[in-house]
N, C-alpha and C. Protein backbone atom coordinates (compact mmCIF):
# COMPACT_ATOMS: atom_id res chain seq x y z
N MET A 1 112.69 88.13 95.60
CA MET A 1 113.37 87.11 96.34
C MET A 1 114.83 87.53 96.45
N ALA A 2 115.33 87.64 97.63
CA ALA A 2 116.71 88.06 97.80
C ALA A 2 117.46 87.02 98.62
N HIS A 3 118.44 86.42 98.02
CA HIS A 3 119.30 85.45 98.69
C HIS A 3 120.73 85.77 98.29
N SER A 4 121.64 85.61 99.21
CA SER A 4 123.04 85.66 98.81
C SER A 4 123.40 84.29 98.27
N ALA A 5 124.42 84.22 97.45
CA ALA A 5 124.80 82.93 96.85
C ALA A 5 125.07 81.89 97.92
N GLY A 6 125.58 82.30 99.07
CA GLY A 6 125.89 81.36 100.14
C GLY A 6 124.67 80.87 100.91
N SER A 7 123.51 81.51 100.73
CA SER A 7 122.34 81.11 101.51
C SER A 7 121.29 80.37 100.69
N LEU A 8 121.60 80.03 99.43
CA LEU A 8 120.65 79.28 98.63
C LEU A 8 120.53 77.85 99.14
N PRO A 9 119.35 77.27 99.04
CA PRO A 9 119.17 75.89 99.48
C PRO A 9 119.97 74.90 98.64
N ALA A 10 119.81 73.63 98.93
CA ALA A 10 120.55 72.56 98.28
C ALA A 10 120.55 72.67 96.76
N GLU A 11 121.58 72.10 96.15
CA GLU A 11 121.75 72.19 94.70
C GLU A 11 120.61 71.56 93.92
N ASP A 12 119.90 70.61 94.50
CA ASP A 12 118.82 69.96 93.77
C ASP A 12 117.54 70.80 93.77
N THR A 13 117.57 71.97 94.40
CA THR A 13 116.43 72.87 94.40
C THR A 13 116.48 73.74 93.15
N LYS A 14 115.36 73.84 92.47
CA LYS A 14 115.27 74.64 91.25
C LYS A 14 114.67 76.00 91.61
N TRP A 15 115.40 77.06 91.33
CA TRP A 15 114.94 78.42 91.60
C TRP A 15 114.60 79.11 90.30
N TRP A 16 113.47 79.79 90.29
CA TRP A 16 113.00 80.52 89.13
C TRP A 16 112.46 81.83 89.66
N VAL A 17 112.90 82.96 89.13
CA VAL A 17 112.53 84.26 89.68
C VAL A 17 111.83 85.09 88.62
N ALA A 18 110.69 85.67 88.98
CA ALA A 18 109.93 86.53 88.07
C ALA A 18 109.99 87.97 88.57
N LYS A 19 110.24 88.87 87.67
CA LYS A 19 110.23 90.31 87.95
C LYS A 19 109.56 90.98 86.76
N PRO A 20 108.69 91.96 86.99
CA PRO A 20 108.01 92.59 85.85
C PRO A 20 108.84 93.66 85.14
N SER A 21 109.91 94.14 85.76
CA SER A 21 110.66 95.23 85.13
C SER A 21 112.05 94.79 84.69
N ALA A 22 112.50 95.35 83.57
CA ALA A 22 113.84 95.06 83.07
C ALA A 22 114.91 95.50 84.07
N ASP A 23 114.71 96.65 84.71
CA ASP A 23 115.66 97.12 85.72
C ASP A 23 115.75 96.14 86.89
N GLY A 24 114.59 95.64 87.31
CA GLY A 24 114.56 94.66 88.40
C GLY A 24 115.30 93.38 88.04
N ILE A 25 115.14 92.94 86.81
CA ILE A 25 115.84 91.74 86.34
C ILE A 25 117.35 91.96 86.35
N ARG A 26 117.80 93.09 85.82
CA ARG A 26 119.25 93.38 85.80
C ARG A 26 119.83 93.40 87.21
N PHE A 27 119.14 94.06 88.13
CA PHE A 27 119.60 94.14 89.51
C PHE A 27 119.67 92.74 90.12
N ALA A 28 118.63 91.95 89.93
CA ALA A 28 118.57 90.61 90.50
C ALA A 28 119.64 89.70 89.90
N GLN A 29 119.85 89.79 88.59
CA GLN A 29 120.87 88.95 87.95
C GLN A 29 122.27 89.28 88.47
N ASN A 30 122.52 90.54 88.73
CA ASN A 30 123.82 90.91 89.30
C ASN A 30 123.99 90.37 90.72
N SER A 31 122.89 90.28 91.46
CA SER A 31 122.93 89.80 92.84
C SER A 31 123.03 88.28 92.92
N ALA A 32 122.42 87.58 91.97
CA ALA A 32 122.39 86.11 92.02
C ALA A 32 122.45 85.55 90.60
N PRO A 33 123.61 85.62 89.95
CA PRO A 33 123.73 85.19 88.55
C PRO A 33 123.46 83.71 88.32
N GLU A 34 123.47 82.90 89.38
CA GLU A 34 123.24 81.46 89.23
C GLU A 34 121.76 81.09 89.10
N LEU A 35 120.85 82.05 89.30
CA LEU A 35 119.41 81.78 89.21
C LEU A 35 118.87 82.07 87.82
N VAL A 36 117.69 81.52 87.53
CA VAL A 36 117.00 81.75 86.26
C VAL A 36 115.99 82.87 86.49
N PHE A 37 116.01 83.90 85.64
CA PHE A 37 115.11 85.04 85.77
C PHE A 37 114.24 85.18 84.53
N HIS A 38 112.98 85.58 84.74
CA HIS A 38 112.06 85.84 83.65
C HIS A 38 111.40 87.19 83.89
N GLN A 39 111.29 88.00 82.85
CA GLN A 39 110.60 89.28 82.98
C GLN A 39 109.12 89.02 82.74
N ILE A 40 108.40 88.85 83.83
CA ILE A 40 106.97 88.55 83.78
C ILE A 40 106.36 89.01 85.10
N GLY A 41 105.13 89.43 85.05
CA GLY A 41 104.43 89.88 86.26
C GLY A 41 103.08 89.21 86.38
N VAL A 42 102.38 89.48 87.46
CA VAL A 42 101.11 88.81 87.74
C VAL A 42 100.00 89.17 86.77
N ASP A 43 100.17 90.23 86.00
CA ASP A 43 99.18 90.60 84.99
C ASP A 43 99.44 89.91 83.65
N ASP A 44 100.56 89.18 83.55
CA ASP A 44 100.94 88.51 82.31
C ASP A 44 100.41 87.07 82.30
N ASP A 45 100.49 86.45 81.14
CA ASP A 45 100.06 85.07 80.97
C ASP A 45 101.14 84.13 81.51
N PRO A 46 100.85 83.35 82.55
CA PRO A 46 101.86 82.46 83.13
C PRO A 46 102.37 81.41 82.15
N SER A 47 101.63 81.11 81.11
CA SER A 47 102.08 80.09 80.15
C SER A 47 103.32 80.56 79.39
N ALA A 48 103.65 81.84 79.48
CA ALA A 48 104.84 82.37 78.81
C ALA A 48 106.13 81.77 79.36
N VAL A 49 106.08 81.18 80.56
CA VAL A 49 107.29 80.58 81.13
C VAL A 49 107.49 79.15 80.65
N GLY A 50 106.56 78.63 79.86
CA GLY A 50 106.69 77.27 79.35
C GLY A 50 105.97 76.28 80.24
N ALA A 51 106.44 75.06 80.25
CA ALA A 51 105.76 73.97 80.95
C ALA A 51 106.23 73.80 82.39
N ASP A 52 107.11 74.67 82.87
CA ASP A 52 107.60 74.54 84.24
C ASP A 52 106.45 74.65 85.24
N SER A 53 106.52 73.86 86.30
CA SER A 53 105.59 74.00 87.42
C SER A 53 106.41 73.84 88.69
N PHE A 54 105.83 74.29 89.81
CA PHE A 54 106.60 74.42 91.03
C PHE A 54 105.82 73.93 92.24
N ASP A 55 106.54 73.57 93.29
CA ASP A 55 105.92 73.15 94.55
C ASP A 55 105.57 74.34 95.42
N VAL A 56 106.36 75.41 95.33
CA VAL A 56 106.17 76.57 96.19
C VAL A 56 106.39 77.84 95.38
N ALA A 57 105.52 78.82 95.59
CA ALA A 57 105.71 80.17 95.03
C ALA A 57 105.85 81.11 96.23
N ILE A 58 106.85 81.97 96.18
CA ILE A 58 107.11 82.90 97.27
C ILE A 58 107.02 84.33 96.74
N ALA A 59 106.17 85.13 97.35
CA ALA A 59 106.04 86.55 97.01
C ALA A 59 106.41 87.35 98.25
N THR A 60 107.66 87.76 98.32
CA THR A 60 108.17 88.47 99.49
C THR A 60 108.09 89.96 99.28
N GLU A 61 107.25 90.62 100.07
CA GLU A 61 107.10 92.08 100.01
C GLU A 61 106.75 92.53 98.59
N VAL A 62 105.78 91.85 97.98
CA VAL A 62 105.37 92.14 96.61
C VAL A 62 103.94 92.67 96.55
N ILE A 63 103.02 92.01 97.24
CA ILE A 63 101.59 92.26 97.05
C ILE A 63 101.20 93.71 97.34
N GLU A 64 101.90 94.36 98.24
CA GLU A 64 101.55 95.75 98.57
C GLU A 64 101.92 96.74 97.47
N HIS A 65 102.66 96.27 96.46
CA HIS A 65 103.06 97.12 95.33
C HIS A 65 102.18 96.90 94.10
N LEU A 66 101.27 95.94 94.14
CA LEU A 66 100.51 95.55 92.96
C LEU A 66 99.25 96.39 92.78
N VAL A 67 99.01 96.82 91.56
CA VAL A 67 97.79 97.54 91.24
C VAL A 67 96.59 96.59 91.30
N ARG A 68 96.79 95.35 90.85
CA ARG A 68 95.74 94.34 90.85
C ARG A 68 96.21 93.13 91.68
N PRO A 69 96.18 93.24 93.01
CA PRO A 69 96.71 92.17 93.86
C PRO A 69 95.94 90.86 93.75
N ARG A 70 94.68 90.90 93.34
CA ARG A 70 93.92 89.65 93.20
C ARG A 70 94.49 88.75 92.10
N ASN A 71 95.32 89.31 91.24
CA ASN A 71 95.93 88.49 90.18
C ASN A 71 97.06 87.60 90.71
N LEU A 72 97.65 87.96 91.84
CA LEU A 72 98.79 87.19 92.36
C LEU A 72 98.43 85.74 92.67
N PRO A 73 97.38 85.45 93.46
CA PRO A 73 97.07 84.04 93.74
C PRO A 73 96.73 83.24 92.49
N GLY A 74 95.99 83.83 91.56
CA GLY A 74 95.64 83.10 90.33
C GLY A 74 96.86 82.82 89.47
N PHE A 75 97.75 83.80 89.37
CA PHE A 75 99.00 83.64 88.62
C PHE A 75 99.82 82.50 89.23
N ALA A 76 99.98 82.54 90.56
CA ALA A 76 100.75 81.51 91.25
C ALA A 76 100.10 80.14 91.09
N LYS A 77 98.79 80.07 91.22
CA LYS A 77 98.07 78.79 91.12
C LYS A 77 98.32 78.12 89.78
N GLN A 78 98.41 78.91 88.72
CA GLN A 78 98.64 78.34 87.39
C GLN A 78 100.06 77.79 87.23
N LEU A 79 101.00 78.26 88.04
CA LEU A 79 102.38 77.79 87.96
C LEU A 79 102.70 76.69 88.97
N LEU A 80 101.81 76.49 89.93
CA LEU A 80 102.07 75.51 90.98
C LEU A 80 101.55 74.12 90.61
N ARG A 81 102.26 73.12 91.09
CA ARG A 81 101.79 71.74 90.97
C ARG A 81 100.59 71.55 91.89
N PRO A 82 99.77 70.53 91.65
CA PRO A 82 98.65 70.26 92.58
C PRO A 82 99.17 70.13 94.01
N GLY A 83 98.50 70.79 94.94
CA GLY A 83 98.92 70.78 96.33
C GLY A 83 100.04 71.76 96.64
N GLY A 84 100.43 72.58 95.65
CA GLY A 84 101.50 73.54 95.86
C GLY A 84 101.13 74.63 96.85
N HIS A 85 102.13 75.35 97.31
CA HIS A 85 101.94 76.36 98.34
C HIS A 85 102.34 77.74 97.83
N LEU A 86 101.57 78.73 98.23
CA LEU A 86 101.89 80.13 97.97
C LEU A 86 102.22 80.77 99.31
N ILE A 87 103.41 81.35 99.40
CA ILE A 87 103.85 82.05 100.61
C ILE A 87 103.92 83.53 100.28
N ILE A 88 103.16 84.33 101.02
CA ILE A 88 103.12 85.78 100.82
C ILE A 88 103.60 86.45 102.09
N SER A 89 104.51 87.40 101.96
CA SER A 89 104.84 88.25 103.10
C SER A 89 104.59 89.69 102.69
N THR A 90 104.13 90.46 103.64
CA THR A 90 103.81 91.86 103.39
C THR A 90 103.89 92.62 104.71
N PRO A 91 104.20 93.90 104.68
CA PRO A 91 104.16 94.67 105.93
C PRO A 91 102.76 94.60 106.54
N TYR A 92 102.70 94.40 107.82
CA TYR A 92 101.43 94.26 108.52
C TYR A 92 100.87 95.63 108.89
N HIS A 93 99.58 95.82 108.65
CA HIS A 93 98.90 97.05 109.06
C HIS A 93 97.63 96.70 109.81
N GLY A 94 97.77 96.56 111.10
CA GLY A 94 96.64 96.30 111.97
C GLY A 94 96.34 97.53 112.81
N TYR A 95 95.38 97.39 113.67
CA TYR A 95 94.89 98.52 114.46
C TYR A 95 96.00 99.21 115.25
N LEU A 96 96.81 98.43 115.97
CA LEU A 96 97.84 99.05 116.83
C LEU A 96 98.90 99.79 116.02
N LYS A 97 99.36 99.19 114.93
CA LYS A 97 100.36 99.88 114.11
C LYS A 97 99.78 101.16 113.53
N ASN A 98 98.55 101.09 113.04
CA ASN A 98 97.92 102.28 112.48
C ASN A 98 97.73 103.36 113.54
N LEU A 99 97.38 102.96 114.75
CA LEU A 99 97.21 103.91 115.84
C LEU A 99 98.54 104.59 116.19
N VAL A 100 99.61 103.82 116.27
CA VAL A 100 100.92 104.40 116.57
C VAL A 100 101.34 105.37 115.47
N LEU A 101 101.14 104.99 114.21
CA LEU A 101 101.47 105.89 113.10
C LEU A 101 100.68 107.19 113.20
N ALA A 102 99.41 107.07 113.53
CA ALA A 102 98.57 108.28 113.64
C ALA A 102 99.00 109.15 114.82
N LEU A 103 99.21 108.54 115.98
CA LEU A 103 99.57 109.31 117.17
C LEU A 103 100.95 109.94 117.07
N SER A 104 101.83 109.33 116.31
CA SER A 104 103.18 109.88 116.16
C SER A 104 103.31 110.77 114.91
N ASN A 105 102.19 111.00 114.24
CA ASN A 105 102.15 111.87 113.05
C ASN A 105 103.13 111.39 111.97
N LYS A 106 103.15 110.08 111.74
CA LYS A 106 104.08 109.48 110.77
C LYS A 106 103.40 108.99 109.49
N TRP A 107 102.10 109.22 109.33
CA TRP A 107 101.42 108.71 108.14
C TRP A 107 102.01 109.27 106.85
N ASP A 108 102.31 110.55 106.81
CA ASP A 108 102.85 111.14 105.58
C ASP A 108 104.17 110.51 105.16
N SER A 109 105.04 110.26 106.12
CA SER A 109 106.32 109.65 105.75
C SER A 109 106.16 108.15 105.50
N HIS A 110 105.24 107.51 106.17
CA HIS A 110 105.04 106.06 106.00
C HIS A 110 104.38 105.73 104.66
N LEU A 111 103.42 106.50 104.25
CA LEU A 111 102.68 106.25 103.01
C LEU A 111 102.94 107.34 101.98
N THR A 112 104.14 107.84 101.92
CA THR A 112 104.42 108.95 101.03
C THR A 112 104.16 108.59 99.56
N PRO A 113 103.47 109.45 98.85
CA PRO A 113 103.26 109.23 97.42
C PRO A 113 104.50 109.59 96.60
N LEU A 114 105.53 110.11 97.25
CA LEU A 114 106.74 110.54 96.56
C LEU A 114 107.73 109.40 96.34
N TRP A 115 107.41 108.20 96.83
CA TRP A 115 108.27 107.03 96.68
C TRP A 115 107.88 106.30 95.40
N ASP A 116 108.69 106.44 94.35
CA ASP A 116 108.40 105.75 93.10
C ASP A 116 108.42 104.25 93.33
N GLY A 117 107.35 103.57 92.90
CA GLY A 117 107.26 102.13 93.09
C GLY A 117 106.91 101.73 94.50
N GLY A 118 106.47 102.66 95.30
CA GLY A 118 106.19 102.38 96.71
C GLY A 118 104.92 101.59 96.94
N HIS A 119 104.58 101.47 98.19
CA HIS A 119 103.39 100.72 98.59
C HIS A 119 102.13 101.43 98.12
N ILE A 120 101.25 100.68 97.49
CA ILE A 120 99.98 101.26 97.05
C ILE A 120 98.79 100.59 97.70
N LYS A 121 99.03 99.47 98.39
CA LYS A 121 97.98 98.76 99.12
C LYS A 121 98.55 98.38 100.48
N MET A 122 97.74 98.45 101.51
CA MET A 122 98.14 98.03 102.85
C MET A 122 97.27 96.84 103.25
N TRP A 123 97.86 95.89 103.98
CA TRP A 123 97.19 94.63 104.28
C TRP A 123 97.12 94.37 105.77
N SER A 124 96.10 93.63 106.17
CA SER A 124 95.94 93.20 107.55
C SER A 124 95.56 91.72 107.55
N ARG A 125 95.45 91.14 108.74
CA ARG A 125 95.05 89.74 108.84
C ARG A 125 93.66 89.52 108.24
N LYS A 126 92.82 90.53 108.28
CA LYS A 126 91.46 90.42 107.73
C LYS A 126 91.44 90.58 106.21
N THR A 127 92.25 91.49 105.66
CA THR A 127 92.17 91.78 104.23
C THR A 127 92.98 90.83 103.36
N LEU A 128 94.10 90.31 103.85
CA LEU A 128 94.93 89.45 103.02
C LEU A 128 94.21 88.17 102.58
N PRO A 129 93.49 87.45 103.46
CA PRO A 129 92.77 86.27 102.98
C PRO A 129 91.71 86.59 101.93
N ALA A 130 91.15 87.78 101.96
CA ALA A 130 90.12 88.14 100.99
C ALA A 130 90.65 88.19 99.57
N VAL A 131 91.93 88.50 99.39
CA VAL A 131 92.50 88.61 98.06
C VAL A 131 92.74 87.24 97.44
N GLU A 132 92.98 86.24 98.25
CA GLU A 132 93.27 84.92 97.70
C GLU A 132 92.02 84.07 97.50
N GLY A 133 90.93 84.41 98.15
CA GLY A 133 89.70 83.65 97.99
C GLY A 133 89.88 82.21 98.43
N SER A 134 89.33 81.30 97.66
CA SER A 134 89.38 79.88 98.03
C SER A 134 90.42 79.11 97.22
N ARG A 135 91.29 79.81 96.51
CA ARG A 135 92.28 79.13 95.67
C ARG A 135 93.32 78.36 96.48
N PHE A 136 93.56 78.79 97.71
CA PHE A 136 94.51 78.13 98.59
C PHE A 136 93.80 77.86 99.91
N PRO A 137 93.27 76.64 100.09
CA PRO A 137 92.35 76.38 101.20
C PRO A 137 92.94 76.49 102.61
N ARG A 138 94.17 76.12 102.82
CA ARG A 138 94.75 76.19 104.16
C ARG A 138 95.58 77.45 104.27
N ARG A 139 95.41 78.17 105.33
CA ARG A 139 96.24 79.36 105.51
C ARG A 139 96.63 79.49 106.96
N SER A 140 97.78 80.04 107.14
CA SER A 140 98.24 80.34 108.49
C SER A 140 98.97 81.68 108.44
N PHE A 141 99.01 82.32 109.58
CA PHE A 141 99.68 83.61 109.68
C PHE A 141 100.80 83.51 110.69
N HIS A 142 101.93 84.08 110.34
CA HIS A 142 103.07 84.12 111.24
C HIS A 142 103.56 85.57 111.26
N TRP A 143 103.80 86.09 112.43
CA TRP A 143 104.21 87.48 112.57
C TRP A 143 105.71 87.56 112.77
N SER A 144 106.31 88.57 112.20
CA SER A 144 107.74 88.82 112.44
C SER A 144 107.97 90.32 112.32
N GLY A 145 109.09 90.76 112.84
CA GLY A 145 109.49 92.16 112.74
C GLY A 145 108.60 93.07 113.42
């Protein structure tokens, strides 16, 4: 989650940020020292954060980096209040984008294995709903970029 201090929502909004790496936490704390950060990931026990629960969980450009992406919806569900929402954004990989990458010979640079911490899973409109199953019954897709 990346926000500048000037773009955070109203003061009555409670922000809680999870990052699995100590380096990620340090970087995030320097960027937004007013937020609460916890070193925890989707493979960890969500009860480690205590009794906090939330109305919305946002995973921005996260799921494509996860070794076990099916853990994300379950992890979020355990932290959300009843009726809570999970918002996931990820780079889109559909037929046309894949075709353009192939025709322009850009696959090696796009999916390079030389990028430490890079993308390890690619998602489409068909595959993303499969990872969440029935844990979040209503879903919608919005395209950007």
